């Protein structure tokens, strides 16, 4: 089992979508993308 630190991903997603009319679904989608990016980046190192 792999663990990924997902704290603050929603905050970062909201920051990236600032100025747009972001829905909860859009924020969750960006947060999921950030979690996957973090996961792959940590394994590539």
PDB file of N, CA and C in Angstrom:
ATOM      1  N   UNK A   1       0.847  -1.173   0.000  1.00  0.00           N
ATOM      2  CA  UNK A   1       0.000   0.000   0.000  1.00  0.00           C
ATOM      3  C   UNK A   1       0.891   1.234   0.000  1.00  0.00           C
ATOM      4  N   UNK A   2       0.535   2.184  -0.819  1.00  0.00           N
ATOM      5  CA  UNK A   2       1.267   3.446  -0.921  1.00  0.00           C
ATOM      6  C   UNK A   2       0.460   4.559  -0.274  1.00  0.00           C
ATOM      7  N   UNK A   3       1.123   5.406   0.470  1.00  0.00           N
ATOM      8  CA  UNK A   3       0.480   6.560   1.073  1.00  0.00           C
ATOM      9  C   UNK A   3       1.009   7.827   0.423  1.00  0.00           C
ATOM     10  N   UNK A   4       0.103   8.752   0.165  1.00  0.00           N
ATOM     11  CA  UNK A   4       0.476  10.031  -0.421  1.00  0.00           C
ATOM     12  C   UNK A   4      -0.101  11.118   0.463  1.00  0.00           C
ATOM     13  N   UNK A   5       0.704  12.101   0.787  1.00  0.00           N
ATOM     14  CA  UNK A   5       0.249  13.209   1.621  1.00  0.00           C
ATOM     15  C   UNK A   5      -0.657  14.104   0.790  1.00  0.00           C
ATOM     16  N   UNK A   6      -1.942  14.119   1.132  1.00  0.00           N
ATOM     17  CA  UNK A   6      -2.883  14.896   0.345  1.00  0.00           C
ATOM     18  C   UNK A   6      -3.337  16.178   1.047  1.00  0.00           C
ATOM     19  N   UNK A   7      -2.659  16.500   2.142  1.00  0.00           N
ATOM     20  CA  UNK A   7      -3.029  17.728   2.845  1.00  0.00           C
ATOM     21  C   UNK A   7      -2.788  18.923   1.939  1.00  0.00           C
ATOM     22  N   UNK A   8      -3.698  19.851   2.000  1.00  0.00           N
ATOM     23  CA  UNK A   8      -3.614  21.126   1.290  1.00  0.00           C
ATOM     24  C   UNK A   8      -3.779  21.030  -0.225  1.00  0.00           C
ATOM     25  N   UNK A   9      -4.085  19.857  -0.773  1.00  0.00           N
ATOM     26  CA  UNK A   9      -4.260  19.786  -2.219  1.00  0.00           C
ATOM     27  C   UNK A   9      -5.494  20.563  -2.665  1.00  0.00           C
ATOM     28  N   UNK A  10      -6.553  20.553  -1.862  1.00  0.00           N
ATOM     29  CA  UNK A  10      -7.742  21.333  -2.213  1.00  0.00           C
ATOM     30  C   UNK A  10      -7.445  22.824  -2.158  1.00  0.00           C
ATOM     31  N   UNK A  11      -6.645  23.230  -1.191  1.00  0.00           N
ATOM     32  CA  UNK A  11      -6.261  24.639  -1.082  1.00  0.00           C
ATOM     33  C   UNK A  11      -5.449  25.044  -2.307  1.00  0.00           C
ATOM     34  N   UNK A  12      -4.504  24.205  -2.706  1.00  0.00           N
ATOM     35  CA  UNK A  12      -3.693  24.484  -3.893  1.00  0.00           C
ATOM     36  C   UNK A  12      -4.561  24.494  -5.147  1.00  0.00           C
ATOM     37  N   UNK A  13      -5.509  23.580  -5.232  1.00  0.00           N
ATOM     38  CA  UNK A  13      -6.418  23.544  -6.384  1.00  0.00           C
ATOM     39  C   UNK A  13      -7.231  24.827  -6.468  1.00  0.00           C
ATOM     40  N   UNK A  14      -7.754  25.282  -5.346  1.00  0.00           N
ATOM     41  CA  UNK A  14      -8.506  26.541  -5.329  1.00  0.00           C
ATOM     42  C   UNK A  14      -7.618  27.697  -5.741  1.00  0.00           C
ATOM     43  N   UNK A  15      -6.379  27.680  -5.305  1.00  0.00           N
ATOM     44  CA  UNK A  15      -5.432  28.734  -5.680  1.00  0.00           C
ATOM     45  C   UNK A  15      -5.215  28.736  -7.196  1.00  0.00           C
ATOM     46  N   UNK A  16      -5.062  27.563  -7.781  1.00  0.00           N
ATOM     47  CA  UNK A  16      -4.840  27.461  -9.231  1.00  0.00           C
ATOM     48  C   UNK A  16      -6.053  27.877 -10.034  1.00  0.00           C
ATOM     49  N   UNK A  17      -7.234  27.720  -9.453  1.00  0.00           N
ATOM     50  CA  UNK A  17      -8.466  28.089 -10.147  1.00  0.00           C
ATOM     51  C   UNK A  17      -8.964  29.471  -9.760  1.00  0.00           C
ATOM     52  N   UNK A  18      -8.165  30.210  -9.045  1.00  0.00           N
ATOM     53  CA  UNK A  18      -8.558  31.540  -8.581  1.00  0.00           C
ATOM     54  C   UNK A  18      -8.985  32.403  -9.765  1.00  0.00           C
ATOM     55  N   UNK A  19     -10.040  33.129  -9.585  1.00  0.00           N
ATOM     56  CA  UNK A  19     -10.542  34.011 -10.627  1.00  0.00           C
ATOM     57  C   UNK A  19     -11.564  33.351 -11.539  1.00  0.00           C
ATOM     58  N   UNK A  20     -11.709  32.048 -11.410  1.00  0.00           N
ATOM     59  CA  UNK A  20     -12.721  31.365 -12.211  1.00  0.00           C
ATOM     60  C   UNK A  20     -13.861  30.943 -11.289  1.00  0.00           C
ATOM     61  N   UNK A  21     -14.955  30.590 -11.886  1.00  0.00           N
ATOM     62  CA  UNK A  21     -16.095  30.121 -11.097  1.00  0.00           C
ATOM     63  C   UNK A  21     -15.952  28.623 -10.881  1.00  0.00           C
ATOM     64  N   UNK A  22     -15.015  28.266 -10.044  1.00  0.00           N
ATOM     65  CA  UNK A  22     -14.696  26.854  -9.819  1.00  0.00           C
ATOM     66  C   UNK A  22     -15.792  26.173  -9.013  1.00  0.00           C
ATOM     67  N   UNK A  23     -16.189  25.021  -9.483  1.00  0.00           N
ATOM     68  CA  UNK A  23     -17.157  24.203  -8.757  1.00  0.00           C
ATOM     69  C   UNK A  23     -16.392  23.241  -7.844  1.00  0.00           C
ATOM     70  N   UNK A  24     -17.102  22.634  -6.923  1.00  0.00           N
ATOM     71  CA  UNK A  24     -16.496  21.639  -6.029  1.00  0.00           C
ATOM     72  C   UNK A  24     -15.904  20.496  -6.850  1.00  0.00           C
ATOM     73  N   UNK A  25     -16.596  20.102  -7.913  1.00  0.00           N
ATOM     74  CA  UNK A  25     -16.101  19.023  -8.767  1.00  0.00           C
ATOM     75  C   UNK A  25     -14.787  19.422  -9.440  1.00  0.00           C
ATOM     76  N   UNK A  26     -14.688  20.661  -9.909  1.00  0.00           N
ATOM     77  CA  UNK A  26     -13.450  21.124 -10.553  1.00  0.00           C
ATOM     78  C   UNK A  26     -12.303  21.152  -9.551  1.00  0.00           C
ATOM     79  N   UNK A  27     -12.573  21.614  -8.353  1.00  0.00           N
ATOM     80  CA  UNK A  27     -11.544  21.673  -7.313  1.00  0.00           C
ATOM     81  C   UNK A  27     -11.082  20.266  -6.957  1.00  0.00           C
ATOM     82  N   UNK A  28     -12.036  19.345  -6.798  1.00  0.00           N
ATOM     83  CA  UNK A  28     -11.686  17.953  -6.485  1.00  0.00           C
ATOM     84  C   UNK A  28     -10.879  17.316  -7.609  1.00  0.00           C
ATOM     85  N   UNK A  29     -11.212  17.630  -8.848  1.00  0.00           N
ATOM     86  CA  UNK A  29     -10.472  17.076  -9.991  1.00  0.00           C
ATOM     87  C   UNK A  29      -9.038  17.566 -10.016  1.00  0.00           C
ATOM     88  N   UNK A  30      -8.840  18.851  -9.782  1.00  0.00           N
ATOM     89  CA  UNK A  30      -7.482  19.411  -9.749  1.00  0.00           C
ATOM     90  C   UNK A  30      -6.719  18.834  -8.561  1.00  0.00           C
ATOM     91  N   UNK A  31      -7.377  18.698  -7.422  1.00  0.00           N
ATOM     92  CA  UNK A  31      -6.724  18.128  -6.240  1.00  0.00           C
ATOM     93  C   UNK A  31      -6.282  16.690  -6.514  1.00  0.00           C
ATOM     94  N   UNK A  32      -7.115  15.916  -7.194  1.00  0.00           N
ATOM     95  CA  UNK A  32      -6.747  14.541  -7.541  1.00  0.00           C
ATOM     96  C   UNK A  32      -5.545  14.529  -8.479  1.00  0.00           C
ATOM     97  N   UNK A  33      -5.526  15.456  -9.413  1.00  0.00           N
ATOM     98  CA  UNK A  33      -4.390  15.562 -10.331  1.00  0.00           C
ATOM     99  C   UNK A  33      -3.112  15.880  -9.557  1.00  0.00           C
ATOM    100  N   UNK A  34      -3.197  16.778  -8.597  1.00  0.00           N
ATOM    101  CA  UNK A  34      -2.033  17.140  -7.788  1.00  0.00           C
ATOM    102  C   UNK A  34      -1.528  15.951  -6.973  1.00  0.00           C
ATOM    103  N   UNK A  35      -2.445  15.160  -6.438  1.00  0.00           N
ATOM    104  CA  UNK A  35      -2.059  13.975  -5.670  1.00  0.00           C
ATOM    105  C   UNK A  35      -1.314  12.989  -6.569  1.00  0.00           C
ATOM    106  N   UNK A  36      -1.829  12.765  -7.781  1.00  0.00           N
ATOM    107  CA  UNK A  36      -1.152  11.856  -8.713  1.00  0.00           C
ATOM    108  C   UNK A  36       0.219  12.387  -9.125  1.00  0.00           C
ATOM    109  N   UNK A  37       0.303  13.684  -9.390  1.00  0.00           N
ATOM    110  CA  UNK A  37       1.597  14.281  -9.749  1.00  0.00           C
ATOM    111  C   UNK A  37       2.604  14.091  -8.620  1.00  0.00           C
ATOM    112  N   UNK A  38       2.162  14.329  -7.389  1.00  0.00           N
ATOM    113  CA  UNK A  38       3.040  14.164  -6.237  1.00  0.00           C
ATOM    114  C   UNK A  38       3.492  12.714  -6.113  1.00  0.00           C
ATOM    115  N   UNK A  39       2.576  11.797  -6.286  1.00  0.00           N
ATOM    116  CA  UNK A  39       2.878  10.371  -6.195  1.00  0.00           C
ATOM    117  C   UNK A  39       3.938   9.984  -7.227  1.00  0.00           C
ATOM    118  N   UNK A  40       3.733  10.357  -8.477  1.00  0.00           N
ATOM    119  CA  UNK A  40       4.685   9.988  -9.526  1.00  0.00           C
ATOM    120  C   UNK A  40       6.020  10.703  -9.356  1.00  0.00           C
ATOM    121  N   UNK A  41       6.002  11.954  -8.941  1.00  0.00           N
ATOM    122  CA  UNK A  41       7.254  12.686  -8.725  1.00  0.00           C
ATOM    123  C   UNK A  41       8.093  12.072  -7.611  1.00  0.00           C
ATOM    124  N   UNK A  42       7.440  11.617  -6.552  1.00  0.00           N
ATOM    125  CA  UNK A  42       8.179  11.006  -5.447  1.00  0.00           C
ATOM    126  C   UNK A  42       8.789   9.670  -5.843  1.00  0.00           C
ATOM    127  N   UNK A  43       8.152   8.938  -6.731  1.00  0.00           N
ATOM    128  CA  UNK A  43       8.671   7.655  -7.169  1.00  0.00           C
ATOM    129  C   UNK A  43       9.746   7.790  -8.226  1.00  0.00           C
ATOM    130  N   UNK A  44       9.773   8.898  -8.936  1.00  0.00           N
ATOM    131  CA  UNK A  44      10.766   9.124  -9.985  1.00  0.00           C
ATOM    132  C   UNK A  44      12.113   9.523  -9.407  1.00  0.00           C
ATOM    133  N   UNK A  45      12.109  10.038  -8.201  1.00  0.00           N
ATOM    134  CA  UNK A  45      13.353  10.530  -7.589  1.00  0.00           C
ATOM    135  C   UNK A  45      14.212   9.417  -7.076  1.00  0.00           C
TER     136      UNK A  45
END
